[in-house]
Structure formats: structure tokens, C-alpha cells
Amino acid sequence: MKTVSLLSVLVAGILFGFGLSLATMIRPEVVLSFLRFQDFGLLMVLGGAATVTGLCYQIAPRLMQKPLFEPGFGQHSAKMDASTLGGAALFGIGWGLSGVCPGPAIASLGAGNWQALYAVVGMFAGAYVQGWLASQGQQPPLAGALPPR
């Protein structure tokens, strides 16, 4: 990746973290009140973000021959399998119990909330274990939880 690409990713990350902070999504108590259907402010943030992202994913490749700093747009294969569903369930359970999501947890560290360090260390440990299991040719523990389609 070119230096200009890395710099643009850094600027986008800082802007994203600022937006999460401004929307109070870096505060677990706000997220938990949203998940308990007590405060719908984050629903507006989520809806706005999903709308802008959806539009950009549809419009940008049609208007631009290539991204600004890379040779082309990437394509990612998407598949709905037991591993995807198990990972989504595990993510949802963790988010619901802690009120901490990966992006806001890192932004929360930038805002000086050092308690979020526990969540960030846990996320990195989980990612490491999943990568290690994959390199050993094993499926993650939840991968066999659902029958294949």
C-alpha cells in the first residue's frame, strides 16, 4: 500500500473515530440503553451511516474508473455459512453484554477511557486465536454449530 493510501486511511480513521465520539457511541452505557430499546439516538446514527455507505458502494464505482489512491476497486466474496452466523452471534452477544464494539472501543481509548483497553485486548486475543485455529486447519469453535446449507 502506498504512503498516500496509508495517510488517507489514517485520516478516514480519525474522522470515523471523531464521528463515533460525537455520536456518543464510545460510551457503553449509551450503547446498552440503545440495545435495551430505551434510547433510539444511535438508531439515527446507524441509519445515517448505513445509508451513506450503501449509496457510496453503489455510486462510487459507477462514477470513478478507479479509487483515488489504488489501482482498482476490490471485490470480496460473500458467503452465508455456519462460521459467518456463529461469528455474528458471538459478536452480538459480546456487544450486548459489554456495550462495546471494536471501532468505538478504539475511539474510546483515544478519548482517554482506559477501561476500554480490556475490550480491545479481548478482541485482539479472540482474533489471534481464530487466526491460529485457521492456520492449524481447524474450524473456530462455533463453525460447526449450524448445519451446512
N, C-alpha and C. Protein backbone atom coordinates (compact mmCIF):
# COMPACT_ATOMS: atom_id res chain seq x y z
N MET A 1 0.85 -1.18 0.00
CA MET A 1 0.00 0.00 0.00
C MET A 1 0.89 1.24 0.00
N LYS A 2 0.55 2.19 -0.84
CA LYS A 2 1.34 3.41 -0.96
C LYS A 2 1.19 4.30 0.27
N THR A 3 2.16 5.16 0.47
CA THR A 3 2.13 6.08 1.60
C THR A 3 0.89 6.97 1.57
N VAL A 4 0.53 7.45 0.40
CA VAL A 4 -0.65 8.31 0.29
C VAL A 4 -1.92 7.53 0.66
N SER A 5 -1.96 6.23 0.33
CA SER A 5 -3.10 5.39 0.71
C SER A 5 -3.16 5.24 2.23
N LEU A 6 -2.01 4.96 2.83
CA LEU A 6 -1.97 4.82 4.28
C LEU A 6 -2.39 6.12 4.98
N LEU A 7 -1.94 7.24 4.44
CA LEU A 7 -2.31 8.53 5.01
C LEU A 7 -3.81 8.77 4.90
N SER A 8 -4.40 8.40 3.75
CA SER A 8 -5.84 8.58 3.59
C SER A 8 -6.62 7.67 4.53
N VAL A 9 -6.11 6.46 4.78
CA VAL A 9 -6.75 5.55 5.73
C VAL A 9 -6.67 6.13 7.14
N LEU A 10 -5.53 6.70 7.50
CA LEU A 10 -5.36 7.33 8.81
C LEU A 10 -6.33 8.49 8.99
N VAL A 11 -6.44 9.35 8.00
CA VAL A 11 -7.37 10.49 8.07
C VAL A 11 -8.81 9.99 8.18
N ALA A 12 -9.17 8.98 7.39
CA ALA A 12 -10.53 8.43 7.46
C ALA A 12 -10.80 7.82 8.83
N GLY A 13 -9.82 7.13 9.39
CA GLY A 13 -9.97 6.54 10.72
C GLY A 13 -10.15 7.60 11.80
N ILE A 14 -9.39 8.67 11.71
CA ILE A 14 -9.54 9.76 12.68
C ILE A 14 -10.92 10.40 12.55
N LEU A 15 -11.37 10.62 11.33
CA LEU A 15 -12.70 11.18 11.10
C LEU A 15 -13.79 10.23 11.62
N PHE A 16 -13.62 8.93 11.38
CA PHE A 16 -14.57 7.94 11.87
C PHE A 16 -14.62 7.93 13.40
N GLY A 17 -13.47 7.94 14.03
CA GLY A 17 -13.41 7.98 15.50
C GLY A 17 -14.04 9.23 16.07
N PHE A 18 -13.81 10.37 15.41
CA PHE A 18 -14.43 11.61 15.85
C PHE A 18 -15.96 11.52 15.75
N GLY A 19 -16.45 10.94 14.65
CA GLY A 19 -17.89 10.77 14.48
C GLY A 19 -18.49 9.86 15.53
N LEU A 20 -17.79 8.77 15.86
CA LEU A 20 -18.26 7.87 16.92
C LEU A 20 -18.31 8.58 18.26
N SER A 21 -17.30 9.37 18.52
CA SER A 21 -17.25 10.13 19.77
C SER A 21 -18.37 11.16 19.82
N LEU A 22 -18.56 11.89 18.73
CA LEU A 22 -19.61 12.90 18.66
C LEU A 22 -20.99 12.27 18.84
N ALA A 23 -21.19 11.07 18.32
CA ALA A 23 -22.47 10.38 18.43
C ALA A 23 -22.64 9.67 19.78
N THR A 24 -21.66 9.80 20.66
CA THR A 24 -21.61 9.18 22.00
C THR A 24 -21.60 7.66 21.93
N MET A 25 -21.21 7.10 20.80
CA MET A 25 -21.16 5.65 20.68
C MET A 25 -19.97 5.05 21.42
N ILE A 26 -19.06 5.88 21.90
CA ILE A 26 -17.91 5.38 22.64
C ILE A 26 -18.25 5.16 24.12
N ARG A 27 -19.47 5.49 24.50
CA ARG A 27 -19.89 5.30 25.89
C ARG A 27 -20.76 4.04 25.97
N PRO A 28 -20.27 2.97 26.62
CA PRO A 28 -21.01 1.71 26.67
C PRO A 28 -22.42 1.86 27.25
N GLU A 29 -22.61 2.76 28.19
CA GLU A 29 -23.95 2.92 28.78
C GLU A 29 -24.95 3.46 27.76
N VAL A 30 -24.49 4.27 26.83
CA VAL A 30 -25.38 4.78 25.77
C VAL A 30 -25.74 3.64 24.82
N VAL A 31 -24.74 2.83 24.47
CA VAL A 31 -24.98 1.70 23.57
C VAL A 31 -25.93 0.69 24.22
N LEU A 32 -25.71 0.41 25.49
CA LEU A 32 -26.59 -0.55 26.18
C LEU A 32 -28.02 -0.03 26.29
N SER A 33 -28.19 1.27 26.49
CA SER A 33 -29.56 1.81 26.53
C SER A 33 -30.22 1.73 25.15
N PHE A 34 -29.43 1.84 24.10
CA PHE A 34 -29.95 1.63 22.74
C PHE A 34 -30.37 0.18 22.55
N LEU A 35 -29.53 -0.75 22.98
CA LEU A 35 -29.82 -2.17 22.81
C LEU A 35 -31.00 -2.63 23.67
N ARG A 36 -31.29 -1.89 24.73
CA ARG A 36 -32.47 -2.20 25.58
C ARG A 36 -33.71 -1.44 25.11
N PHE A 37 -33.64 -0.79 23.96
CA PHE A 37 -34.75 -0.03 23.37
C PHE A 37 -35.21 1.11 24.28
N GLN A 38 -34.26 1.73 25.01
CA GLN A 38 -34.57 2.86 25.87
C GLN A 38 -34.19 4.19 25.23
N ASP A 39 -33.24 4.17 24.32
CA ASP A 39 -32.74 5.38 23.67
C ASP A 39 -32.51 5.06 22.19
N PHE A 40 -33.18 5.78 21.32
CA PHE A 40 -33.08 5.48 19.90
C PHE A 40 -32.18 6.46 19.14
N GLY A 41 -31.38 7.24 19.86
CA GLY A 41 -30.47 8.18 19.21
C GLY A 41 -29.46 7.49 18.32
N LEU A 42 -28.94 6.36 18.76
CA LEU A 42 -27.95 5.64 17.96
C LEU A 42 -28.58 4.99 16.73
N LEU A 43 -29.89 4.79 16.76
CA LEU A 43 -30.56 4.26 15.58
C LEU A 43 -30.45 5.25 14.42
N MET A 44 -30.55 6.53 14.74
CA MET A 44 -30.39 7.55 13.71
C MET A 44 -28.95 7.55 13.17
N VAL A 45 -27.98 7.39 14.06
CA VAL A 45 -26.57 7.33 13.64
C VAL A 45 -26.36 6.11 12.75
N LEU A 46 -26.85 4.96 13.18
CA LEU A 46 -26.70 3.73 12.42
C LEU A 46 -27.40 3.83 11.07
N GLY A 47 -28.60 4.36 11.06
CA GLY A 47 -29.34 4.51 9.80
C GLY A 47 -28.64 5.46 8.84
N GLY A 48 -28.15 6.58 9.35
CA GLY A 48 -27.42 7.53 8.51
C GLY A 48 -26.15 6.93 7.94
N ALA A 49 -25.41 6.20 8.78
CA ALA A 49 -24.17 5.58 8.33
C ALA A 49 -24.45 4.50 7.28
N ALA A 50 -25.46 3.69 7.50
CA ALA A 50 -25.79 2.63 6.54
C ALA A 50 -26.25 3.23 5.21
N THR A 51 -27.01 4.31 5.27
CA THR A 51 -27.48 4.95 4.04
C THR A 51 -26.32 5.52 3.24
N VAL A 52 -25.45 6.27 3.89
CA VAL A 52 -24.30 6.87 3.19
C VAL A 52 -23.39 5.78 2.63
N THR A 53 -23.12 4.75 3.41
CA THR A 53 -22.26 3.66 2.94
C THR A 53 -22.88 2.94 1.76
N GLY A 54 -24.15 2.62 1.86
CA GLY A 54 -24.84 1.94 0.76
C GLY A 54 -24.80 2.75 -0.52
N LEU A 55 -25.06 4.05 -0.40
CA LEU A 55 -25.02 4.91 -1.58
C LEU A 55 -23.62 4.97 -2.18
N CYS A 56 -22.62 5.12 -1.32
CA CYS A 56 -21.24 5.20 -1.82
C CYS A 56 -20.80 3.90 -2.50
N TYR A 57 -21.18 2.76 -1.94
CA TYR A 57 -20.81 1.48 -2.56
C TYR A 57 -21.50 1.30 -3.91
N GLN A 58 -22.67 1.89 -4.10
CA GLN A 58 -23.38 1.78 -5.36
C GLN A 58 -22.93 2.82 -6.39
N ILE A 59 -22.68 4.04 -5.91
CA ILE A 59 -22.42 5.15 -6.82
C ILE A 59 -20.94 5.30 -7.18
N ALA A 60 -20.04 5.18 -6.21
CA ALA A 60 -18.62 5.44 -6.46
C ALA A 60 -18.05 4.61 -7.61
N PRO A 61 -18.26 3.30 -7.65
CA PRO A 61 -17.68 2.53 -8.77
C PRO A 61 -18.25 2.94 -10.13
N ARG A 62 -19.45 3.49 -10.16
CA ARG A 62 -20.04 3.90 -11.43
C ARG A 62 -19.51 5.25 -11.90
N LEU A 63 -19.16 6.11 -10.95
CA LEU A 63 -18.68 7.45 -11.29
C LEU A 63 -17.17 7.52 -11.49
N MET A 64 -16.46 6.60 -10.86
CA MET A 64 -15.00 6.64 -10.89
C MET A 64 -14.46 5.40 -11.62
N GLN A 65 -13.45 5.58 -12.42
CA GLN A 65 -12.80 4.45 -13.09
C GLN A 65 -12.04 3.59 -12.09
N LYS A 66 -11.45 4.26 -11.09
CA LYS A 66 -10.68 3.58 -10.05
C LYS A 66 -10.68 4.46 -8.80
N PRO A 67 -10.37 3.90 -7.65
CA PRO A 67 -10.26 4.73 -6.44
C PRO A 67 -9.14 5.76 -6.60
N LEU A 68 -9.14 6.75 -5.73
CA LEU A 68 -8.15 7.83 -5.83
C LEU A 68 -6.71 7.34 -5.71
N PHE A 69 -6.44 6.43 -4.79
CA PHE A 69 -5.06 6.08 -4.49
C PHE A 69 -4.71 4.61 -4.73
N GLU A 70 -5.60 3.86 -5.34
CA GLU A 70 -5.34 2.44 -5.59
C GLU A 70 -5.65 2.12 -7.05
N PRO A 71 -5.13 0.99 -7.55
CA PRO A 71 -5.32 0.67 -8.97
C PRO A 71 -6.75 0.25 -9.34
N GLY A 72 -7.54 -0.24 -8.40
CA GLY A 72 -8.90 -0.67 -8.74
C GLY A 72 -9.73 -0.93 -7.50
N PHE A 73 -11.04 -1.08 -7.72
CA PHE A 73 -11.95 -1.41 -6.64
C PHE A 73 -11.83 -2.89 -6.32
N GLY A 74 -11.90 -3.23 -5.05
CA GLY A 74 -11.80 -4.62 -4.63
C GLY A 74 -13.14 -5.32 -4.67
N GLN A 75 -13.09 -6.60 -4.86
CA GLN A 75 -14.28 -7.46 -4.81
C GLN A 75 -14.07 -8.47 -3.70
N HIS A 76 -15.07 -8.61 -2.87
CA HIS A 76 -14.99 -9.58 -1.78
C HIS A 76 -16.12 -10.58 -1.95
N SER A 77 -15.78 -11.86 -1.89
CA SER A 77 -16.83 -12.86 -1.98
C SER A 77 -17.57 -12.91 -0.65
N ALA A 78 -18.85 -13.04 -0.72
CA ALA A 78 -19.66 -13.12 0.49
C ALA A 78 -20.36 -14.46 0.51
N LYS A 79 -20.29 -15.13 1.64
CA LYS A 79 -20.99 -16.40 1.76
C LYS A 79 -21.63 -16.46 3.15
N MET A 80 -22.80 -17.00 3.18
CA MET A 80 -23.52 -17.16 4.44
C MET A 80 -23.38 -18.62 4.85
N ASP A 81 -22.50 -18.86 5.81
CA ASP A 81 -22.31 -20.23 6.27
C ASP A 81 -22.32 -20.24 7.79
N ALA A 82 -22.08 -21.40 8.36
CA ALA A 82 -22.13 -21.55 9.81
C ALA A 82 -21.09 -20.69 10.51
N SER A 83 -19.92 -20.55 9.90
CA SER A 83 -18.86 -19.74 10.50
C SER A 83 -19.28 -18.27 10.56
N THR A 84 -19.89 -17.78 9.48
CA THR A 84 -20.35 -16.39 9.44
C THR A 84 -21.43 -16.16 10.49
N LEU A 85 -22.41 -17.06 10.54
CA LEU A 85 -23.50 -16.91 11.50
C LEU A 85 -23.01 -17.06 12.95
N GLY A 86 -22.09 -17.99 13.18
CA GLY A 86 -21.54 -18.16 14.52
C GLY A 86 -20.75 -16.94 14.97
N GLY A 87 -19.95 -16.39 14.05
CA GLY A 87 -19.19 -15.19 14.38
C GLY A 87 -20.09 -14.00 14.64
N ALA A 88 -21.16 -13.85 13.85
CA ALA A 88 -22.10 -12.76 14.06
C ALA A 88 -22.81 -12.91 15.39
N ALA A 89 -23.18 -14.14 15.74
CA ALA A 89 -23.83 -14.37 17.04
C ALA A 89 -22.89 -14.06 18.19
N LEU A 90 -21.64 -14.49 18.07
CA LEU A 90 -20.66 -14.22 19.11
C LEU A 90 -20.41 -12.73 19.25
N PHE A 91 -20.31 -12.02 18.13
CA PHE A 91 -20.14 -10.57 18.15
C PHE A 91 -21.34 -9.91 18.84
N GLY A 92 -22.55 -10.31 18.46
CA GLY A 92 -23.75 -9.73 19.04
C GLY A 92 -23.87 -9.98 20.53
N ILE A 93 -23.51 -11.17 20.97
CA ILE A 93 -23.55 -11.48 22.40
C ILE A 93 -22.55 -10.61 23.15
N GLY A 94 -21.34 -10.51 22.63
CA GLY A 94 -20.33 -9.68 23.28
C GLY A 94 -20.72 -8.21 23.31
N TRP A 95 -21.29 -7.71 22.22
CA TRP A 95 -21.72 -6.32 22.16
C TRP A 95 -22.86 -6.08 23.14
N GLY A 96 -23.80 -7.02 23.21
CA GLY A 96 -24.93 -6.87 24.10
C GLY A 96 -24.54 -6.93 25.57
N LEU A 97 -23.56 -7.75 25.91
CA LEU A 97 -23.14 -7.86 27.30
C LEU A 97 -22.28 -6.69 27.75
N SER A 98 -21.43 -6.20 26.85
CA SER A 98 -20.48 -5.16 27.25
C SER A 98 -20.84 -3.76 26.77
N GLY A 99 -21.60 -3.67 25.69
CA GLY A 99 -21.89 -2.36 25.11
C GLY A 99 -20.70 -1.80 24.35
N VAL A 100 -19.74 -2.66 24.03
CA VAL A 100 -18.52 -2.21 23.36
C VAL A 100 -18.39 -2.90 22.01
N CYS A 101 -18.19 -2.10 20.98
CA CYS A 101 -18.00 -2.56 19.61
C CYS A 101 -16.53 -2.23 19.25
N PRO A 102 -15.89 -2.95 18.34
CA PRO A 102 -14.47 -2.71 18.07
C PRO A 102 -14.09 -1.28 17.70
N GLY A 103 -14.78 -0.67 16.75
CA GLY A 103 -14.45 0.70 16.36
C GLY A 103 -14.60 1.69 17.50
N PRO A 104 -15.75 1.72 18.15
CA PRO A 104 -15.91 2.63 19.29
C PRO A 104 -14.96 2.33 20.44
N ALA A 105 -14.55 1.08 20.62
CA ALA A 105 -13.61 0.77 21.70
C ALA A 105 -12.27 1.45 21.45
N ILE A 106 -11.81 1.41 20.22
CA ILE A 106 -10.53 2.06 19.89
C ILE A 106 -10.67 3.57 19.98
N ALA A 107 -11.81 4.11 19.51
CA ALA A 107 -12.05 5.55 19.62
C ALA A 107 -12.15 5.96 21.09
N SER A 108 -12.71 5.09 21.91
CA SER A 108 -12.83 5.36 23.33
C SER A 108 -11.45 5.46 23.99
N LEU A 109 -10.52 4.65 23.54
CA LEU A 109 -9.14 4.76 24.05
C LEU A 109 -8.57 6.12 23.71
N GLY A 110 -8.84 6.58 22.50
CA GLY A 110 -8.37 7.90 22.08
C GLY A 110 -8.97 9.02 22.90
N ALA A 111 -10.16 8.78 23.46
CA ALA A 111 -10.81 9.79 24.30
C ALA A 111 -10.40 9.66 25.76
N GLY A 112 -9.50 8.71 26.05
CA GLY A 112 -8.99 8.58 27.41
C GLY A 112 -9.75 7.60 28.29
N ASN A 113 -10.64 6.81 27.74
CA ASN A 113 -11.36 5.80 28.52
C ASN A 113 -10.52 4.52 28.54
N TRP A 114 -9.65 4.42 29.52
CA TRP A 114 -8.71 3.30 29.56
C TRP A 114 -9.38 1.99 29.95
N GLN A 115 -10.62 2.03 30.47
CA GLN A 115 -11.35 0.80 30.76
C GLN A 115 -11.62 0.01 29.48
N ALA A 116 -11.72 0.71 28.35
CA ALA A 116 -11.97 0.04 27.07
C ALA A 116 -10.79 -0.82 26.64
N LEU A 117 -9.64 -0.63 27.29
CA LEU A 117 -8.47 -1.44 26.96
C LEU A 117 -8.74 -2.93 27.18
N TYR A 118 -9.55 -3.27 28.19
CA TYR A 118 -9.91 -4.67 28.43
C TYR A 118 -10.62 -5.25 27.21
N ALA A 119 -11.55 -4.50 26.66
CA ALA A 119 -12.30 -4.97 25.49
C ALA A 119 -11.38 -5.09 24.28
N VAL A 120 -10.50 -4.12 24.09
CA VAL A 120 -9.60 -4.15 22.92
C VAL A 120 -8.64 -5.34 23.02
N VAL A 121 -8.10 -5.59 24.20
CA VAL A 121 -7.21 -6.74 24.39
C VAL A 121 -7.98 -8.04 24.14
N GLY A 122 -9.22 -8.12 24.61
CA GLY A 122 -10.05 -9.30 24.37
C GLY A 122 -10.33 -9.52 22.89
N MET A 123 -10.58 -8.42 22.16
CA MET A 123 -10.83 -8.54 20.72
C MET A 123 -9.58 -9.03 19.99
N PHE A 124 -8.43 -8.48 20.33
CA PHE A 124 -7.19 -8.93 19.69
C PHE A 124 -6.88 -10.38 20.04
N ALA A 125 -7.14 -10.78 21.29
CA ALA A 125 -6.90 -12.17 21.68
C ALA A 125 -7.82 -13.11 20.91
N GLY A 126 -9.08 -12.75 20.77
CA GLY A 126 -10.02 -13.56 20.01
C GLY A 126 -9.63 -13.68 18.55
N ALA A 127 -9.20 -12.57 17.96
CA ALA A 127 -8.76 -12.59 16.56
C ALA A 127 -7.50 -13.45 16.40
N TYR A 128 -6.61 -13.37 17.37
CA TYR A 128 -5.39 -14.19 17.32
C TYR A 128 -5.74 -15.68 17.39
N VAL A 129 -6.62 -16.05 18.32
CA VAL A 129 -7.00 -17.46 18.47
C VAL A 129 -7.69 -17.97 17.20
N GLN A 130 -8.57 -17.15 16.62
CA GLN A 130 -9.25 -17.56 15.39
C GLN A 130 -8.24 -17.74 14.26
N GLY A 131 -7.29 -16.83 14.13
CA GLY A 131 -6.26 -16.96 13.10
C GLY A 131 -5.38 -18.17 13.32
N TRP A 132 -5.05 -18.43 14.57
CA TRP A 132 -4.23 -19.60 14.89
C TRP A 132 -4.97 -20.89 14.55
N LEU A 133 -6.25 -20.96 14.92
CA LEU A 133 -7.05 -22.14 14.61
C LEU A 133 -7.15 -22.34 13.09
N ALA A 134 -7.34 -21.26 12.37
CA ALA A 134 -7.43 -21.35 10.90
C ALA A 134 -6.12 -21.84 10.31
N SER A 135 -4.99 -21.39 10.86
CA SER A 135 -3.69 -21.83 10.34
C SER A 135 -3.41 -23.30 10.65
N GLN A 136 -4.06 -23.83 11.67
CA GLN A 136 -3.91 -25.24 12.03
C GLN A 136 -4.86 -26.13 11.24
N GLY A 137 -5.69 -25.51 10.40
CA GLY A 137 -6.64 -26.27 9.61
C GLY A 137 -7.89 -26.64 10.38
N GLN A 138 -8.08 -26.02 11.53
CA GLN A 138 -9.26 -26.29 12.34
C GLN A 138 -10.28 -25.19 12.13
N GLN A 139 -11.53 -25.53 12.34
CA GLN A 139 -12.58 -24.52 12.30
C GLN A 139 -12.70 -23.90 13.68
N PRO A 140 -13.07 -22.61 13.73
CA PRO A 140 -13.34 -21.99 15.03
C PRO A 140 -14.45 -22.76 15.75
N PRO A 141 -14.52 -22.68 17.09
CA PRO A 141 -15.47 -23.48 17.86
C PRO A 141 -16.92 -23.36 17.42
N LEU A 142 -17.37 -22.20 16.98
CA LEU A 142 -18.77 -22.04 16.61
C LEU A 142 -19.07 -22.43 15.17
N ALA A 143 -18.05 -22.76 14.40
CA ALA A 143 -18.25 -23.02 12.98
C ALA A 143 -19.14 -24.23 12.73
N GLY A 144 -19.09 -25.24 13.58
CA GLY A 144 -19.91 -26.42 13.38
C GLY A 144 -21.24 -26.36 14.12
N ALA A 145 -21.59 -25.20 14.66
CA ALA A 145 -22.80 -25.08 15.46
C ALA A 145 -24.06 -25.18 14.62
N LEU A 146 -23.99 -24.82 13.36
CA LEU A 146 -25.16 -24.84 12.48
C LEU A 146 -24.92 -25.82 11.34
N PRO A 147 -25.97 -26.47 10.86
CA PRO A 147 -25.78 -27.38 9.74
C PRO A 147 -25.43 -26.62 8.47
N PRO A 148 -24.63 -27.20 7.57
CA PRO A 148 -24.28 -26.52 6.31
C PRO A 148 -25.51 -26.38 5.43
N ARG A 149 -25.48 -25.36 4.58
CA ARG A 149 -26.61 -25.11 3.66
C ARG A 149 -26.43 -25.87 2.40
